[in-house]
All heavy atoms as atom14 arrays in JSON, in Angstrom:
{
  "sequence": "SAGGDPVAFVMGARAVPDSRTFVGSGKLAEIGEQVRECCAE",
  "atom14_mask": [
    [1, 1, 1, 1, 1, 1, 0, 0, 0, 0, 0, 0, 0, 0],
    [1, 1, 1, 1, 1, 0, 0, 0, 0, 0, 0, 0, 0, 0],
    [1, 1, 1, 1, 0, 0, 0, 0, 0, 0, 0, 0, 0, 0],
    [1, 1, 1, 1, 0, 0, 0, 0, 0, 0, 0, 0, 0, 0],
    [1, 1, 1, 1, 1, 1, 1, 1, 0, 0, 0, 0, 0, 0],
    [1, 1, 1, 1, 1, 1, 1, 0, 0, 0, 0, 0, 0, 0],
    [1, 1, 1, 1, 1, 1, 1, 0, 0, 0, 0, 0, 0, 0],
    [1, 1, 1, 1, 1, 0, 0, 0, 0, 0, 0, 0, 0, 0],
    [1, 1, 1, 1, 1, 1, 1, 1, 1, 1, 1, 0, 0, 0],
    [1, 1, 1, 1, 1, 1, 1, 0, 0, 0, 0, 0, 0, 0],
    [1, 1, 1, 1, 1, 1, 1, 1, 0, 0, 0, 0, 0, 0],
    [1, 1, 1, 1, 0, 0, 0, 0, 0, 0, 0, 0, 0, 0],
    [1, 1, 1, 1, 1, 0, 0, 0, 0, 0, 0, 0, 0, 0],
    [1, 1, 1, 1, 1, 1, 1, 1, 1, 1, 1, 0, 0, 0],
    [1, 1, 1, 1, 1, 0, 0, 0, 0, 0, 0, 0, 0, 0],
    [1, 1, 1, 1, 1, 1, 1, 0, 0, 0, 0, 0, 0, 0],
    [1, 1, 1, 1, 1, 1, 1, 0, 0, 0, 0, 0, 0, 0],
    [1, 1, 1, 1, 1, 1, 1, 1, 0, 0, 0, 0, 0, 0],
    [1, 1, 1, 1, 1, 1, 0, 0, 0, 0, 0, 0, 0, 0],
    [1, 1, 1, 1, 1, 1, 1, 1, 1, 1, 1, 0, 0, 0],
    [1, 1, 1, 1, 1, 1, 1, 0, 0, 0, 0, 0, 0, 0],
    [1, 1, 1, 1, 1, 1, 1, 1, 1, 1, 1, 0, 0, 0],
    [1, 1, 1, 1, 1, 1, 1, 0, 0, 0, 0, 0, 0, 0],
    [1, 1, 1, 1, 0, 0, 0, 0, 0, 0, 0, 0, 0, 0],
    [1, 1, 1, 1, 1, 1, 0, 0, 0, 0, 0, 0, 0, 0],
    [1, 1, 1, 1, 0, 0, 0, 0, 0, 0, 0, 0, 0, 0],
    [1, 1, 1, 1, 1, 1, 1, 1, 1, 0, 0, 0, 0, 0],
    [1, 1, 1, 1, 1, 1, 1, 1, 0, 0, 0, 0, 0, 0],
    [1, 1, 1, 1, 1, 0, 0, 0, 0, 0, 0, 0, 0, 0],
    [1, 1, 1, 1, 1, 1, 1, 1, 1, 0, 0, 0, 0, 0],
    [1, 1, 1, 1, 1, 1, 1, 1, 0, 0, 0, 0, 0, 0],
    [1, 1, 1, 1, 0, 0, 0, 0, 0, 0, 0, 0, 0, 0],
    [1, 1, 1, 1, 1, 1, 1, 1, 1, 0, 0, 0, 0, 0],
    [1, 1, 1, 1, 1, 1, 1, 1, 1, 0, 0, 0, 0, 0],
    [1, 1, 1, 1, 1, 1, 1, 0, 0, 0, 0, 0, 0, 0],
    [1, 1, 1, 1, 1, 1, 1, 1, 1, 1, 1, 0, 0, 0],
    [1, 1, 1, 1, 1, 1, 1, 1, 1, 0, 0, 0, 0, 0],
    [1, 1, 1, 1, 1, 1, 0, 0, 0, 0, 0, 0, 0, 0],
    [1, 1, 1, 1, 1, 1, 0, 0, 0, 0, 0, 0, 0, 0],
    [1, 1, 1, 1, 1, 0, 0, 0, 0, 0, 0, 0, 0, 0],
    [1, 1, 1, 1, 1, 1, 1, 1, 1, 0, 0, 0, 0, 0]
  ],
  "atom14_positions": [
    [[-77.55, 15.85, 22.7], [-76.81, 15.97, 21.44], [-75.31, 16.02, 21.69], [-74.51, 15.56, 20.87], [-77.27, 17.23, 20.7], [-76.68, 17.32, 19.44], [0.0, 0.0, 0.0], [0.0, 0.0, 0.0], [0.0, 0.0, 0.0], [0.0, 0.0, 0.0], [0.0, 0.0, 0.0], [0.0, 0.0, 0.0], [0.0, 0.0, 0.0], [0.0, 0.0, 0.0]],
    [[-74.9, 16.57, 22.86], [-73.48, 16.65, 23.21], [-72.95, 15.33, 23.75], [-71.76, 15.19, 24.0], [-73.26, 17.75, 24.23], [0.0, 0.0, 0.0], [0.0, 0.0, 0.0], [0.0, 0.0, 0.0], [0.0, 0.0, 0.0], [0.0, 0.0, 0.0], [0.0, 0.0, 0.0], [0.0, 0.0, 0.0], [0.0, 0.0, 0.0], [0.0, 0.0, 0.0]],
    [[-73.86, 14.36, 23.96], [-73.45, 13.06, 24.48], [-73.54, 12.97, 25.99], [-73.02, 12.03, 26.6], [0.0, 0.0, 0.0], [0.0, 0.0, 0.0], [0.0, 0.0, 0.0], [0.0, 0.0, 0.0], [0.0, 0.0, 0.0], [0.0, 0.0, 0.0], [0.0, 0.0, 0.0], [0.0, 0.0, 0.0], [0.0, 0.0, 0.0], [0.0, 0.0, 0.0]],
    [[-74.25, 13.93, 26.62], [-74.42, 13.92, 28.07], [-75.53, 12.98, 28.5], [-76.4, 12.6, 27.7], [0.0, 0.0, 0.0], [0.0, 0.0, 0.0], [0.0, 0.0, 0.0], [0.0, 0.0, 0.0], [0.0, 0.0, 0.0], [0.0, 0.0, 0.0], [0.0, 0.0, 0.0], [0.0, 0.0, 0.0], [0.0, 0.0, 0.0], [0.0, 0.0, 0.0]],
    [[-75.52, 12.62, 29.78], [-76.56, 11.74, 30.36], [-77.15, 12.45, 31.58], [-76.62, 12.33, 32.68], [-75.94, 10.39, 30.75], [-76.98, 9.44, 31.33], [-78.18, 9.67, 31.1], [-76.59, 8.48, 32.02], [0.0, 0.0, 0.0], [0.0, 0.0, 0.0], [0.0, 0.0, 0.0], [0.0, 0.0, 0.0], [0.0, 0.0, 0.0], [0.0, 0.0, 0.0]],
    [[-78.25, 13.23, 31.39], [-78.82, 13.99, 32.51], [-79.33, 13.06, 33.62], [-80.1, 12.14, 33.35], [-79.99, 14.76, 31.86], [-79.73, 14.7, 30.39], [-79.0, 13.43, 30.14], [0.0, 0.0, 0.0], [0.0, 0.0, 0.0], [0.0, 0.0, 0.0], [0.0, 0.0, 0.0], [0.0, 0.0, 0.0], [0.0, 0.0, 0.0], [0.0, 0.0, 0.0]],
    [[-78.87, 13.3, 34.84], [-79.32, 12.47, 35.97], [-80.34, 13.21, 36.83], [-81.08, 12.58, 37.6], [-78.11, 12.04, 36.84], [-77.25, 11.05, 36.09], [-77.28, 13.24, 37.3], [0.0, 0.0, 0.0], [0.0, 0.0, 0.0], [0.0, 0.0, 0.0], [0.0, 0.0, 0.0], [0.0, 0.0, 0.0], [0.0, 0.0, 0.0], [0.0, 0.0, 0.0]],
    [[-80.39, 14.54, 36.7], [-81.37, 15.33, 37.46], [-81.57, 16.66, 36.77], [-80.7, 17.15, 36.05], [-80.88, 15.54, 38.89], [0.0, 0.0, 0.0], [0.0, 0.0, 0.0], [0.0, 0.0, 0.0], [0.0, 0.0, 0.0], [0.0, 0.0, 0.0], [0.0, 0.0, 0.0], [0.0, 0.0, 0.0], [0.0, 0.0, 0.0], [0.0, 0.0, 0.0]],
    [[-82.76, 17.23, 36.97], [-83.1, 18.53, 36.37], [-83.66, 19.42, 37.47], [-84.75, 19.16, 37.98], [-84.14, 18.34, 35.25], [-84.1, 19.43, 34.21], [-84.25, 19.13, 32.86], [-83.91, 20.76, 34.56], [-84.21, 20.13, 31.89], [-83.87, 21.76, 33.61], [-84.02, 21.44, 32.27], [0.0, 0.0, 0.0], [0.0, 0.0, 0.0], [0.0, 0.0, 0.0]],
    [[-82.9, 20.42, 37.88], [-83.33, 21.35, 38.94], [-83.91, 22.6, 38.28], [-83.25, 23.22, 37.45], [-82.16, 21.73, 39.85], [-82.61, 22.76, 40.89], [-81.6, 20.5, 40.54], [0.0, 0.0, 0.0], [0.0, 0.0, 0.0], [0.0, 0.0, 0.0], [0.0, 0.0, 0.0], [0.0, 0.0, 0.0], [0.0, 0.0, 0.0], [0.0, 0.0, 0.0]],
    [[-85.15, 22.94, 38.63], [-85.79, 24.12, 38.06], [-86.19, 25.06, 39.19], [-86.37, 24.65, 40.33], [-87.01, 23.72, 37.22], [-86.68, 22.8, 36.07], [-88.04, 22.51, 34.95], [-88.15, 24.06, 34.11], [0.0, 0.0, 0.0], [0.0, 0.0, 0.0], [0.0, 0.0, 0.0], [0.0, 0.0, 0.0], [0.0, 0.0, 0.0], [0.0, 0.0, 0.0]],
    [[-86.33, 26.32, 38.84], [-86.71, 27.31, 39.83], [-87.08, 28.62, 39.18], [-87.1, 28.74, 37.95], [0.0, 0.0, 0.0], [0.0, 0.0, 0.0], [0.0, 0.0, 0.0], [0.0, 0.0, 0.0], [0.0, 0.0, 0.0], [0.0, 0.0, 0.0], [0.0, 0.0, 0.0], [0.0, 0.0, 0.0], [0.0, 0.0, 0.0], [0.0, 0.0, 0.0]],
    [[-87.36, 29.62, 39.99], [-87.72, 30.95, 39.49], [-87.04, 32.0, 40.35], [-86.81, 31.79, 41.54], [-89.23, 31.12, 39.51], [0.0, 0.0, 0.0], [0.0, 0.0, 0.0], [0.0, 0.0, 0.0], [0.0, 0.0, 0.0], [0.0, 0.0, 0.0], [0.0, 0.0, 0.0], [0.0, 0.0, 0.0], [0.0, 0.0, 0.0], [0.0, 0.0, 0.0]],
    [[-86.72, 33.11, 39.71], [-86.03, 34.18, 40.43], [-86.31, 35.5, 39.72], [-86.44, 35.54, 38.49], [-84.53, 33.88, 40.47], [-83.75, 34.71, 41.46], [-82.31, 34.25, 41.56], [-81.52, 35.23, 42.3], [-81.44, 35.29, 43.61], [-82.1, 34.4, 44.35], [-80.7, 36.21, 44.21], [0.0, 0.0, 0.0], [0.0, 0.0, 0.0], [0.0, 0.0, 0.0]],
    [[-86.4, 36.57, 40.49], [-86.67, 37.89, 39.89], [-85.49, 38.35, 39.05], [-85.63, 38.72, 37.89], [-87.0, 38.9, 40.98], [0.0, 0.0, 0.0], [0.0, 0.0, 0.0], [0.0, 0.0, 0.0], [0.0, 0.0, 0.0], [0.0, 0.0, 0.0], [0.0, 0.0, 0.0], [0.0, 0.0, 0.0], [0.0, 0.0, 0.0], [0.0, 0.0, 0.0]],
    [[-84.31, 38.33, 39.66], [-83.06, 38.7, 38.96], [-81.97, 37.71, 39.38], [-81.98, 37.21, 40.5], [-82.6, 40.15, 39.28], [-83.52, 41.17, 38.65], [-82.48, 40.36, 40.78], [0.0, 0.0, 0.0], [0.0, 0.0, 0.0], [0.0, 0.0, 0.0], [0.0, 0.0, 0.0], [0.0, 0.0, 0.0], [0.0, 0.0, 0.0], [0.0, 0.0, 0.0]],
    [[-81.01, 37.42, 38.49], [-79.94, 36.49, 38.86], [-79.05, 37.06, 39.97], [-78.86, 38.27, 40.06], [-79.12, 36.33, 37.56], [-79.99, 36.87, 36.47], [-80.88, 37.89, 37.1], [0.0, 0.0, 0.0], [0.0, 0.0, 0.0], [0.0, 0.0, 0.0], [0.0, 0.0, 0.0], [0.0, 0.0, 0.0], [0.0, 0.0, 0.0], [0.0, 0.0, 0.0]],
    [[-78.54, 36.18, 40.83], [-77.61, 36.6, 41.87], [-76.26, 36.92, 41.22], [-75.77, 36.15, 40.38], [-77.44, 35.47, 42.89], [-76.54, 35.88, 44.04], [-77.01, 36.63, 44.91], [-75.37, 35.45, 44.05], [0.0, 0.0, 0.0], [0.0, 0.0, 0.0], [0.0, 0.0, 0.0], [0.0, 0.0, 0.0], [0.0, 0.0, 0.0], [0.0, 0.0, 0.0]],
    [[-75.66, 38.04, 41.59], [-74.42, 38.47, 40.93], [-73.25, 37.54, 41.24], [-72.31, 37.44, 40.47], [-74.07, 39.9, 41.36], [-73.9, 39.95, 42.77], [0.0, 0.0, 0.0], [0.0, 0.0, 0.0], [0.0, 0.0, 0.0], [0.0, 0.0, 0.0], [0.0, 0.0, 0.0], [0.0, 0.0, 0.0], [0.0, 0.0, 0.0], [0.0, 0.0, 0.0]],
    [[-73.33, 36.83, 42.38], [-72.2, 35.98, 42.78], [-72.33, 34.55, 42.25], [-71.38, 34.0, 41.69], [-72.1, 35.97, 44.31], [-70.87, 35.25, 44.83], [-70.71, 35.37, 46.33], [-69.64, 34.49, 46.78], [-69.8, 33.2, 47.05], [-71.01, 32.64, 46.95], [-68.76, 32.45, 47.45], [0.0, 0.0, 0.0], [0.0, 0.0, 0.0], [0.0, 0.0, 0.0]],
    [[-73.49, 33.93, 42.43], [-73.64, 32.51, 42.04], [-74.8, 32.27, 41.08], [-75.17, 31.12, 40.83], [-73.83, 31.64, 43.3], [-74.99, 32.11, 44.01], [-72.61, 31.67, 44.19], [0.0, 0.0, 0.0], [0.0, 0.0, 0.0], [0.0, 0.0, 0.0], [0.0, 0.0, 0.0], [0.0, 0.0, 0.0], [0.0, 0.0, 0.0], [0.0, 0.0, 0.0]],
    [[-75.4, 33.32, 40.54], [-76.55, 33.26, 39.62], [-77.83, 32.79, 40.33], [-78.9, 33.36, 40.14], [-76.26, 32.35, 38.41], [-77.25, 32.52, 37.3], [-77.11, 33.55, 36.39], [-78.34, 31.68, 37.16], [-78.03, 33.74, 35.35], [-79.27, 31.86, 36.14], [-79.1, 32.89, 35.23], [0.0, 0.0, 0.0], [0.0, 0.0, 0.0], [0.0, 0.0, 0.0]],
    [[-77.73, 31.71, 41.15], [-78.89, 31.22, 41.91], [-78.77, 31.7, 43.36], [-77.7, 32.11, 43.8], [-78.97, 29.68, 41.87], [-79.21, 29.19, 40.46], [-77.71, 29.04, 42.42], [0.0, 0.0, 0.0], [0.0, 0.0, 0.0], [0.0, 0.0, 0.0], [0.0, 0.0, 0.0], [0.0, 0.0, 0.0], [0.0, 0.0, 0.0], [0.0, 0.0, 0.0]],
    [[-79.87, 31.63, 44.09], [-79.86, 32.03, 45.5], [-79.2, 30.97, 46.37], [-78.91, 29.86, 45.92], [0.0, 0.0, 0.0], [0.0, 0.0, 0.0], [0.0, 0.0, 0.0], [0.0, 0.0, 0.0], [0.0, 0.0, 0.0], [0.0, 0.0, 0.0], [0.0, 0.0, 0.0], [0.0, 0.0, 0.0], [0.0, 0.0, 0.0], [0.0, 0.0, 0.0]],
    [[-79.0, 31.3, 47.65], [-78.31, 30.37, 48.56], [-79.11, 29.08, 48.77], [-78.53, 28.0, 48.87], [-78.06, 31.07, 49.9], [-79.28, 31.57, 50.44], [0.0, 0.0, 0.0], [0.0, 0.0, 0.0], [0.0, 0.0, 0.0], [0.0, 0.0, 0.0], [0.0, 0.0, 0.0], [0.0, 0.0, 0.0], [0.0, 0.0, 0.0], [0.0, 0.0, 0.0]],
    [[-80.44, 29.21, 48.87], [-81.29, 28.02, 49.05], [-81.22, 27.09, 47.85], [-81.07, 25.86, 48.0], [0.0, 0.0, 0.0], [0.0, 0.0, 0.0], [0.0, 0.0, 0.0], [0.0, 0.0, 0.0], [0.0, 0.0, 0.0], [0.0, 0.0, 0.0], [0.0, 0.0, 0.0], [0.0, 0.0, 0.0], [0.0, 0.0, 0.0], [0.0, 0.0, 0.0]],
    [[-81.33, 27.65, 46.66], [-81.28, 26.84, 45.44], [-79.88, 26.24, 45.26], [-79.75, 25.1, 44.79], [-81.65, 27.71, 44.23], [-81.77, 26.97, 42.9], [-82.85, 25.9, 42.95], [-84.25, 26.5, 43.04], [-85.29, 25.44, 42.98], [0.0, 0.0, 0.0], [0.0, 0.0, 0.0], [0.0, 0.0, 0.0], [0.0, 0.0, 0.0], [0.0, 0.0, 0.0]],
    [[-78.85, 26.98, 45.67], [-77.48, 26.48, 45.57], [-77.3, 25.25, 46.47], [-76.66, 24.27, 46.08], [-76.49, 27.58, 45.95], [-75.0, 27.25, 45.79], [-74.67, 26.96, 44.33], [-74.15, 28.42, 46.3], [0.0, 0.0, 0.0], [0.0, 0.0, 0.0], [0.0, 0.0, 0.0], [0.0, 0.0, 0.0], [0.0, 0.0, 0.0], [0.0, 0.0, 0.0]],
    [[-77.88, 25.32, 47.68], [-77.8, 24.18, 48.6], [-78.54, 22.97, 48.03], [-78.07, 21.82, 48.14], [-78.39, 24.58, 49.96], [0.0, 0.0, 0.0], [0.0, 0.0, 0.0], [0.0, 0.0, 0.0], [0.0, 0.0, 0.0], [0.0, 0.0, 0.0], [0.0, 0.0, 0.0], [0.0, 0.0, 0.0], [0.0, 0.0, 0.0], [0.0, 0.0, 0.0]],
    [[-79.69, 23.23, 47.37], [-80.47, 22.15, 46.75], [-79.68, 21.49, 45.61], [-79.64, 20.26, 45.5], [-81.79, 22.71, 46.2], [-82.7, 21.66, 45.59], [-83.89, 22.27, 44.86], [-84.28, 23.42, 45.2], [-84.44, 21.61, 43.95], [0.0, 0.0, 0.0], [0.0, 0.0, 0.0], [0.0, 0.0, 0.0], [0.0, 0.0, 0.0], [0.0, 0.0, 0.0]],
    [[-79.01, 22.32, 44.79], [-78.2, 21.79, 43.68], [-77.04, 20.96, 44.24], [-76.76, 19.86, 43.74], [-77.67, 22.94, 42.8], [-78.82, 23.67, 42.1], [-76.69, 22.41, 41.75], [-78.42, 24.98, 41.42], [0.0, 0.0, 0.0], [0.0, 0.0, 0.0], [0.0, 0.0, 0.0], [0.0, 0.0, 0.0], [0.0, 0.0, 0.0], [0.0, 0.0, 0.0]],
    [[-76.38, 21.48, 45.31], [-75.27, 20.75, 45.92], [-75.68, 19.39, 46.46], [-74.96, 18.4, 46.31], [0.0, 0.0, 0.0], [0.0, 0.0, 0.0], [0.0, 0.0, 0.0], [0.0, 0.0, 0.0], [0.0, 0.0, 0.0], [0.0, 0.0, 0.0], [0.0, 0.0, 0.0], [0.0, 0.0, 0.0], [0.0, 0.0, 0.0], [0.0, 0.0, 0.0]],
    [[-76.87, 19.35, 47.06], [-77.4, 18.09, 47.6], [-77.66, 17.08, 46.47], [-77.34, 15.9, 46.59], [-78.7, 18.39, 48.37], [-79.18, 17.22, 49.21], [-80.44, 17.59, 49.99], [-80.55, 18.75, 50.45], [-81.32, 16.72, 50.1], [0.0, 0.0, 0.0], [0.0, 0.0, 0.0], [0.0, 0.0, 0.0], [0.0, 0.0, 0.0], [0.0, 0.0, 0.0]],
    [[-78.25, 17.59, 45.37], [-78.53, 16.72, 44.21], [-77.24, 16.2, 43.58], [-77.16, 15.06, 43.14], [-79.34, 17.5, 43.16], [-80.76, 17.81, 43.55], [-81.71, 16.66, 43.21], [-81.28, 15.58, 42.85], [-83.0, 16.92, 43.35], [0.0, 0.0, 0.0], [0.0, 0.0, 0.0], [0.0, 0.0, 0.0], [0.0, 0.0, 0.0], [0.0, 0.0, 0.0]],
    [[-76.21, 17.06, 43.54], [-74.91, 16.66, 42.98], [-74.33, 15.5, 43.78], [-73.83, 14.51, 43.21], [-73.92, 17.85, 42.96], [-72.5, 17.38, 42.68], [-74.34, 18.87, 41.91], [0.0, 0.0, 0.0], [0.0, 0.0, 0.0], [0.0, 0.0, 0.0], [0.0, 0.0, 0.0], [0.0, 0.0, 0.0], [0.0, 0.0, 0.0], [0.0, 0.0, 0.0]],
    [[-74.4, 15.6, 45.12], [-73.85, 14.55, 45.98], [-74.67, 13.26, 45.88], [-74.12, 12.16, 45.84], [-73.79, 15.03, 47.43], [-72.67, 16.06, 47.67], [-72.54, 16.4, 49.13], [-73.69, 17.15, 49.63], [-73.82, 18.47, 49.53], [-72.88, 19.18, 48.94], [-74.89, 19.08, 50.01], [0.0, 0.0, 0.0], [0.0, 0.0, 0.0], [0.0, 0.0, 0.0]],
    [[-75.99, 13.4, 45.81], [-76.87, 12.22, 45.73], [-76.66, 11.46, 44.41], [-76.61, 10.23, 44.4], [-78.34, 12.65, 45.85], [-78.81, 12.83, 47.27], [-80.29, 13.2, 47.33], [-81.01, 12.93, 46.34], [-80.72, 13.75, 48.35], [0.0, 0.0, 0.0], [0.0, 0.0, 0.0], [0.0, 0.0, 0.0], [0.0, 0.0, 0.0], [0.0, 0.0, 0.0]],
    [[-76.61, 12.22, 43.3], [-76.53, 11.59, 41.97], [-75.09, 11.36, 41.51], [-74.88, 10.82, 40.42], [-77.25, 12.45, 40.94], [-78.96, 12.8, 41.35], [0.0, 0.0, 0.0], [0.0, 0.0, 0.0], [0.0, 0.0, 0.0], [0.0, 0.0, 0.0], [0.0, 0.0, 0.0], [0.0, 0.0, 0.0], [0.0, 0.0, 0.0], [0.0, 0.0, 0.0]],
    [[-74.12, 11.8, 42.32], [-72.7, 11.72, 41.93], [-72.46, 12.37, 40.56], [-71.79, 11.79, 39.69], [-72.24, 10.26, 41.9], [-72.37, 9.44, 43.5], [0.0, 0.0, 0.0], [0.0, 0.0, 0.0], [0.0, 0.0, 0.0], [0.0, 0.0, 0.0], [0.0, 0.0, 0.0], [0.0, 0.0, 0.0], [0.0, 0.0, 0.0], [0.0, 0.0, 0.0]],
    [[-73.06, 13.54, 40.37], [-72.94, 14.25, 39.09], [-71.52, 14.75, 38.88], [-70.86, 15.21, 39.82], [-73.92, 15.42, 39.05], [0.0, 0.0, 0.0], [0.0, 0.0, 0.0], [0.0, 0.0, 0.0], [0.0, 0.0, 0.0], [0.0, 0.0, 0.0], [0.0, 0.0, 0.0], [0.0, 0.0, 0.0], [0.0, 0.0, 0.0], [0.0, 0.0, 0.0]],
    [[-71.01, 14.63, 37.64], [-69.65, 15.06, 37.33], [-69.61, 16.5, 36.81], [-68.57, 17.16, 36.87], [-69.05, 14.14, 36.26], [-68.9, 12.7, 36.74], [-68.42, 11.78, 35.64], [-68.28, 12.27, 34.49], [-68.19, 10.6, 35.92], [0.0, 0.0, 0.0], [0.0, 0.0, 0.0], [0.0, 0.0, 0.0], [0.0, 0.0, 0.0], [0.0, 0.0, 0.0]]
  ]
}
C-alpha cells in the first residue's frame, strides 16, 4: 500500500526482543546477508 516492492521476507521467533538490535546476532547476520544478496534499499 505504501508503494514498496518486497524482495525478501525474513521470519523468526524469539522469547524477548534484544535491547540493542531487537533481533539476535545470528538473525542479524542472516538479514545482512539477504540485504547484500537482494540489494535491498
